[in-house]
Amino acid sequence: MNQIFIIQPYFYNGSWVFDDAEAGLVREPFVSGIPEMIDKLVEGIPGASEGFRLLFSADPFPEYDIELTRLREEIGGYWYQAKDTNHEGWLCPAMFKYFDTPPEHIYAKVEGIGSFHTRTPSTTIPISKDEVDAFARELECGNIDVMQIMLQELQKRFL
């Protein structure tokens, strides 16, 4: 199991969100105090709203930016408090995609992505699981014409 996890949050429709295909998360929002913590952490990162790297772990690691301490459980998630500011934020049950149990502490670091960043919200086309399954069925049957129509419909969402 990884000791340090990496996600790439970005600002979408007024909220900080992130995607993690391996965890099955798409535009997973940060809520209830966490967006304000992110705002503070990314103040010095140009273009952070287009995306930044967030490294986090239950164990301290060199040059972490923030330490969160677990406070209490609520609605399947947990409230955490930032060590230096005493600001509180709620991490939803999506945290269990990364941790088996809610860690007592979470350590995090933010970094700019730089020129190697290729994912931006403007290049993401939302596709439901049903659409993916339908496309896979057509692929298995070799229905190229139907697949082309499906792709054209997806492209319309992007344009």
C-alpha atoms as a PDB file:
ATOM      1  CA  MET A   1       0.000   0.000   0.000  1.00  0.00           C
ATOM      2  CA  ASN A   2       1.260   3.492  -0.835  1.00  0.00           C
ATOM      3  CA  GLN A   3       2.593   5.612   1.975  1.00  0.00           C
ATOM      4  CA  ILE A   4       2.184   8.879   0.066  1.00  0.00           C
ATOM      5  CA  PHE A   5      -0.784   9.421  -2.227  1.00  0.00           C
ATOM      6  CA  ILE A   6      -0.971  12.005  -5.011  1.00  0.00           C
ATOM      7  CA  ILE A   7      -4.074  13.597  -6.485  1.00  0.00           C
ATOM      8  CA  GLN A   8      -4.481  16.628  -8.743  1.00  0.00           C
ATOM      9  CA  PRO A   9      -7.270  18.895  -7.491  1.00  0.00           C
ATOM     10  CA  TYR A  10      -8.621  21.661  -9.715  1.00  0.00           C
ATOM     11  CA  PHE A  11     -11.341  24.295  -9.488  1.00  0.00           C
ATOM     12  CA  TYR A  12     -14.580  23.339 -11.255  1.00  0.00           C
ATOM     13  CA  ASN A  13     -17.961  25.110 -11.110  1.00  0.00           C
ATOM     14  CA  GLY A  14     -17.000  27.025  -7.977  1.00  0.00           C
ATOM     15  CA  SER A  15     -15.555  24.059  -6.067  1.00  0.00           C
ATOM     16  CA  TRP A  16     -12.236  22.325  -5.541  1.00  0.00           C
ATOM     17  CA  VAL A  17     -12.580  18.800  -6.962  1.00  0.00           C
ATOM     18  CA  PHE A  18     -10.335  15.948  -8.064  1.00  0.00           C
ATOM     19  CA  ASP A  19     -10.428  12.898 -10.291  1.00  0.00           C
ATOM     20  CA  ASP A  20      -8.907   9.524  -9.457  1.00  0.00           C
ATOM     21  CA  ALA A  21      -9.759   6.847 -12.003  1.00  0.00           C
ATOM     22  CA  GLU A  22      -8.157   4.082  -9.922  1.00  0.00           C
ATOM     23  CA  ALA A  23     -10.361   4.997  -6.959  1.00  0.00           C
ATOM     24  CA  GLY A  24     -13.455   5.459  -9.145  1.00  0.00           C
ATOM     25  CA  LEU A  25     -13.762   9.153  -8.326  1.00  0.00           C
ATOM     26  CA  VAL A  26     -14.694  11.846 -10.841  1.00  0.00           C
ATOM     27  CA  ARG A  27     -15.005  15.505  -9.837  1.00  0.00           C
ATOM     28  CA  GLU A  28     -15.072  14.465  -6.182  1.00  0.00           C
ATOM     29  CA  PRO A  29     -15.624  17.743  -4.304  1.00  0.00           C
ATOM     30  CA  PHE A  30     -13.908  18.998  -1.202  1.00  0.00           C
ATOM     31  CA  VAL A  31     -16.493  20.488   1.193  1.00  0.00           C
ATOM     32  CA  SER A  32     -17.074  21.889   4.684  1.00  0.00           C
ATOM     33  CA  GLY A  33     -13.922  23.821   5.500  1.00  0.00           C
ATOM     34  CA  ILE A  34     -11.489  21.926   3.278  1.00  0.00           C
ATOM     35  CA  PRO A  35     -11.852  24.378   0.319  1.00  0.00           C
ATOM     36  CA  GLU A  36     -10.743  27.233   2.569  1.00  0.00           C
ATOM     37  CA  MET A  37      -7.696  25.232   3.643  1.00  0.00           C
ATOM     38  CA  ILE A  38      -6.865  24.556  -0.008  1.00  0.00           C
ATOM     39  CA  ASP A  39      -7.277  28.250  -0.883  1.00  0.00           C
ATOM     40  CA  LYS A  40      -4.712  29.146   1.759  1.00  0.00           C
ATOM     41  CA  LEU A  41      -2.281  26.388   0.752  1.00  0.00           C
ATOM     42  CA  VAL A  42      -2.258  27.266  -2.966  1.00  0.00           C
ATOM     43  CA  GLU A  43      -1.969  31.052  -2.591  1.00  0.00           C
ATOM     44  CA  GLY A  44       1.578  31.027  -3.981  1.00  0.00           C
ATOM     45  CA  ILE A  45       0.960  28.570  -6.825  1.00  0.00           C
ATOM     46  CA  PRO A  46       0.280  30.297 -10.161  1.00  0.00           C
ATOM     47  CA  GLY A  47      -2.586  28.689 -12.054  1.00  0.00           C
ATOM     48  CA  ALA A  48      -3.545  26.435  -9.132  1.00  0.00           C
ATOM     49  CA  SER A  49      -7.211  26.623 -10.134  1.00  0.00           C
ATOM     50  CA  GLU A  50      -6.273  24.744 -13.328  1.00  0.00           C
ATOM     51  CA  GLY A  51      -4.734  22.000 -11.210  1.00  0.00           C
ATOM     52  CA  PHE A  52      -2.022  21.304  -8.662  1.00  0.00           C
ATOM     53  CA  ARG A  53      -0.462  18.250  -7.043  1.00  0.00           C
ATOM     54  CA  LEU A  54      -1.604  17.333  -3.549  1.00  0.00           C
ATOM     55  CA  LEU A  55       0.579  14.777  -1.796  1.00  0.00           C
ATOM     56  CA  PHE A  56      -0.816  13.323   1.431  1.00  0.00           C
ATOM     57  CA  SER A  57      -0.013  10.610   3.934  1.00  0.00           C
ATOM     58  CA  ALA A  58      -0.894   9.355   7.392  1.00  0.00           C
ATOM     59  CA  ASP A  59       2.827   9.633   8.183  1.00  0.00           C
ATOM     60  CA  PRO A  60       4.954  12.774   8.181  1.00  0.00           C
ATOM     61  CA  PHE A  61       7.221  13.248   5.156  1.00  0.00           C
ATOM     62  CA  PRO A  62       9.868  15.875   4.313  1.00  0.00           C
ATOM     63  CA  GLU A  63       8.626  19.419   3.676  1.00  0.00           C
ATOM     64  CA  TYR A  64       4.905  18.767   4.263  1.00  0.00           C
ATOM     65  CA  ASP A  65       2.837  21.986   4.298  1.00  0.00           C
ATOM     66  CA  ILE A  66       0.031  21.115   6.693  1.00  0.00           C
ATOM     67  CA  GLU A  67      -0.749  18.660   9.460  1.00  0.00           C
ATOM     68  CA  LEU A  68      -4.361  17.750  10.134  1.00  0.00           C
ATOM     69  CA  THR A  69      -5.489  16.094  13.363  1.00  0.00           C
ATOM     70  CA  ARG A  70      -8.603  13.917  13.508  1.00  0.00           C
ATOM     71  CA  LEU A  71     -11.327  15.338  15.741  1.00  0.00           C
ATOM     72  CA  ARG A  72     -14.609  13.460  15.374  1.00  0.00           C
ATOM     73  CA  GLU A  73     -16.745  11.320  13.076  1.00  0.00           C
ATOM     74  CA  GLU A  74     -19.814  12.717  11.341  1.00  0.00           C
ATOM     75  CA  ILE A  75     -22.017  11.263   8.589  1.00  0.00           C
ATOM     76  CA  GLY A  76     -19.454   8.624   7.606  1.00  0.00           C
ATOM     77  CA  GLY A  77     -16.625  11.152   7.267  1.00  0.00           C
ATOM     78  CA  TYR A  78     -14.305  12.790   9.774  1.00  0.00           C
ATOM     79  CA  TRP A  79     -13.567  16.320  10.904  1.00  0.00           C
ATOM     80  CA  TYR A  80      -9.898  17.314  10.972  1.00  0.00           C
ATOM     81  CA  GLN A  81      -8.195  20.388  12.399  1.00  0.00           C
ATOM     82  CA  ALA A  82      -5.201  22.157  10.864  1.00  0.00           C
ATOM     83  CA  LYS A  83      -2.379  22.290  13.403  1.00  0.00           C
ATOM     84  CA  ASP A  84      -1.232  25.892  12.975  1.00  0.00           C
ATOM     85  CA  THR A  85      -4.527  27.615  12.198  1.00  0.00           C
ATOM     86  CA  ASN A  86      -7.010  25.520  14.184  1.00  0.00           C
ATOM     87  CA  HIS A  87      -9.227  25.649  11.081  1.00  0.00           C
ATOM     88  CA  GLU A  88     -11.553  22.626  10.827  1.00  0.00           C
ATOM     89  CA  GLY A  89     -12.593  20.717   7.706  1.00  0.00           C
ATOM     90  CA  TRP A  90     -14.589  17.584   6.977  1.00  0.00           C
ATOM     91  CA  LEU A  91     -13.229  14.741   4.850  1.00  0.00           C
ATOM     92  CA  CYS A  92     -16.023  12.664   3.338  1.00  0.00           C
ATOM     93  CA  PRO A  93     -16.111   8.853   3.118  1.00  0.00           C
ATOM     94  CA  ALA A  94     -14.055   9.034  -0.113  1.00  0.00           C
ATOM     95  CA  MET A  95     -11.061   9.149   2.254  1.00  0.00           C
ATOM     96  CA  PHE A  96     -11.542   5.397   2.689  1.00  0.00           C
ATOM     97  CA  LYS A  97     -10.387   4.955  -0.920  1.00  0.00           C
ATOM     98  CA  TYR A  98      -6.939   5.844   0.477  1.00  0.00           C
ATOM     99  CA  PHE A  99      -7.027   4.804   4.129  1.00  0.00           C
ATOM    100  CA  ASP A 100      -8.476   1.638   5.692  1.00  0.00           C
ATOM    101  CA  THR A 101      -9.211   3.556   8.873  1.00  0.00           C
ATOM    102  CA  PRO A 102      -9.285   7.313   9.405  1.00  0.00           C
ATOM    103  CA  PRO A 103      -5.748   8.320  10.337  1.00  0.00           C
ATOM    104  CA  GLU A 104      -5.156  10.266  13.518  1.00  0.00           C
ATOM    105  CA  HIS A 105      -3.045  12.698  11.485  1.00  0.00           C
ATOM    106  CA  ILE A 106      -2.875  13.546   7.793  1.00  0.00           C
ATOM    107  CA  TYR A 107       0.165  15.329   6.413  1.00  0.00           C
ATOM    108  CA  ALA A 108      -0.105  17.138   3.081  1.00  0.00           C
ATOM    109  CA  LYS A 109       1.980  19.124   0.629  1.00  0.00           C
ATOM    110  CA  VAL A 110       0.904  21.152  -2.407  1.00  0.00           C
ATOM    111  CA  GLU A 111       2.992  21.630  -5.537  1.00  0.00           C
ATOM    112  CA  GLY A 112       2.527  23.355  -8.855  1.00  0.00           C
ATOM    113  CA  ILE A 113       2.229  21.020 -11.783  1.00  0.00           C
ATOM    114  CA  GLY A 114       4.350  22.933 -14.263  1.00  0.00           C
ATOM    115  CA  SER A 115       4.601  22.364 -17.985  1.00  0.00           C
ATOM    116  CA  PHE A 116       4.095  18.581 -17.747  1.00  0.00           C
ATOM    117  CA  HIS A 117       0.459  18.959 -16.683  1.00  0.00           C
ATOM    118  CA  THR A 118      -1.799  17.584 -19.406  1.00  0.00           C
ATOM    119  CA  ARG A 119      -5.166  17.262 -17.644  1.00  0.00           C
ATOM    120  CA  THR A 120      -7.344  20.355 -17.395  1.00  0.00           C
ATOM    121  CA  PRO A 121     -11.065  20.550 -16.725  1.00  0.00           C
ATOM    122  CA  SER A 122     -11.640  21.797 -20.283  1.00  0.00           C
ATOM    123  CA  THR A 123     -10.312  18.529 -21.773  1.00  0.00           C
ATOM    124  CA  THR A 124     -12.409  16.203 -19.630  1.00  0.00           C
ATOM    125  CA  ILE A 125     -15.616  14.819 -21.123  1.00  0.00           C
ATOM    126  CA  PRO A 126     -17.941  13.282 -18.523  1.00  0.00           C
ATOM    127  CA  ILE A 127     -18.947   9.751 -19.494  1.00  0.00           C
ATOM    128  CA  SER A 128     -21.267   7.606 -17.416  1.00  0.00           C
ATOM    129  CA  LYS A 129     -20.594   3.955 -16.685  1.00  0.00           C
ATOM    130  CA  ASP A 130     -23.662   3.050 -18.776  1.00  0.00           C
ATOM    131  CA  GLU A 131     -22.174   4.898 -21.764  1.00  0.00           C
ATOM    132  CA  VAL A 132     -18.843   3.122 -21.338  1.00  0.00           C
ATOM    133  CA  ASP A 133     -20.615  -0.246 -21.092  1.00  0.00           C
ATOM    134  CA  ALA A 134     -22.682   0.520 -24.202  1.00  0.00           C
ATOM    135  CA  PHE A 135     -19.562   1.534 -26.112  1.00  0.00           C
ATOM    136  CA  ALA A 136     -17.807  -1.683 -25.010  1.00  0.00           C
ATOM    137  CA  ARG A 137     -20.772  -3.798 -26.207  1.00  0.00           C
ATOM    138  CA  GLU A 138     -20.683  -2.110 -29.610  1.00  0.00           C
ATOM    139  CA  LEU A 139     -16.927  -2.610 -29.780  1.00  0.00           C
ATOM    140  CA  GLU A 140     -17.290  -6.340 -29.030  1.00  0.00           C
ATOM    141  CA  CYS A 141     -19.898  -6.629 -31.791  1.00  0.00           C
ATOM    142  CA  GLY A 142     -17.732  -4.693 -34.221  1.00  0.00           C
ATOM    143  CA  ASN A 143     -20.409  -2.045 -34.850  1.00  0.00           C
ATOM    144  CA  ILE A 144     -18.056   0.675 -36.060  1.00  0.00           C
ATOM    145  CA  ASP A 145     -20.862   2.891 -37.408  1.00  0.00           C
ATOM    146  CA  VAL A 146     -22.662   2.905 -34.046  1.00  0.00           C
ATOM    147  CA  MET A 147     -19.370   3.572 -32.233  1.00  0.00           C
ATOM    148  CA  GLN A 148     -18.690   6.573 -34.506  1.00  0.00           C
ATOM    149  CA  ILE A 149     -22.129   8.005 -33.720  1.00  0.00           C
ATOM    150  CA  MET A 150     -21.534   7.512 -29.994  1.00  0.00           C
ATOM    151  CA  LEU A 151     -18.169   9.266 -30.241  1.00  0.00           C
ATOM    152  CA  GLN A 152     -19.721  12.160 -32.144  1.00  0.00           C
ATOM    153  CA  GLU A 153     -22.285  12.572 -29.370  1.00  0.00           C
ATOM    154  CA  LEU A 154     -19.517  12.630 -26.760  1.00  0.00           C
ATOM    155  CA  GLN A 155     -17.579  15.193 -28.795  1.00  0.00           C
ATOM    156  CA  LYS A 156     -20.634  17.492 -28.838  1.00  0.00           C
ATOM    157  CA  ARG A 157     -20.387  17.689 -25.023  1.00  0.00           C
ATOM    158  CA  PHE A 158     -16.814  18.886 -25.365  1.00  0.00           C
ATOM    159  CA  LEU A 159     -17.439  21.564 -27.992  1.00  0.00           C
END
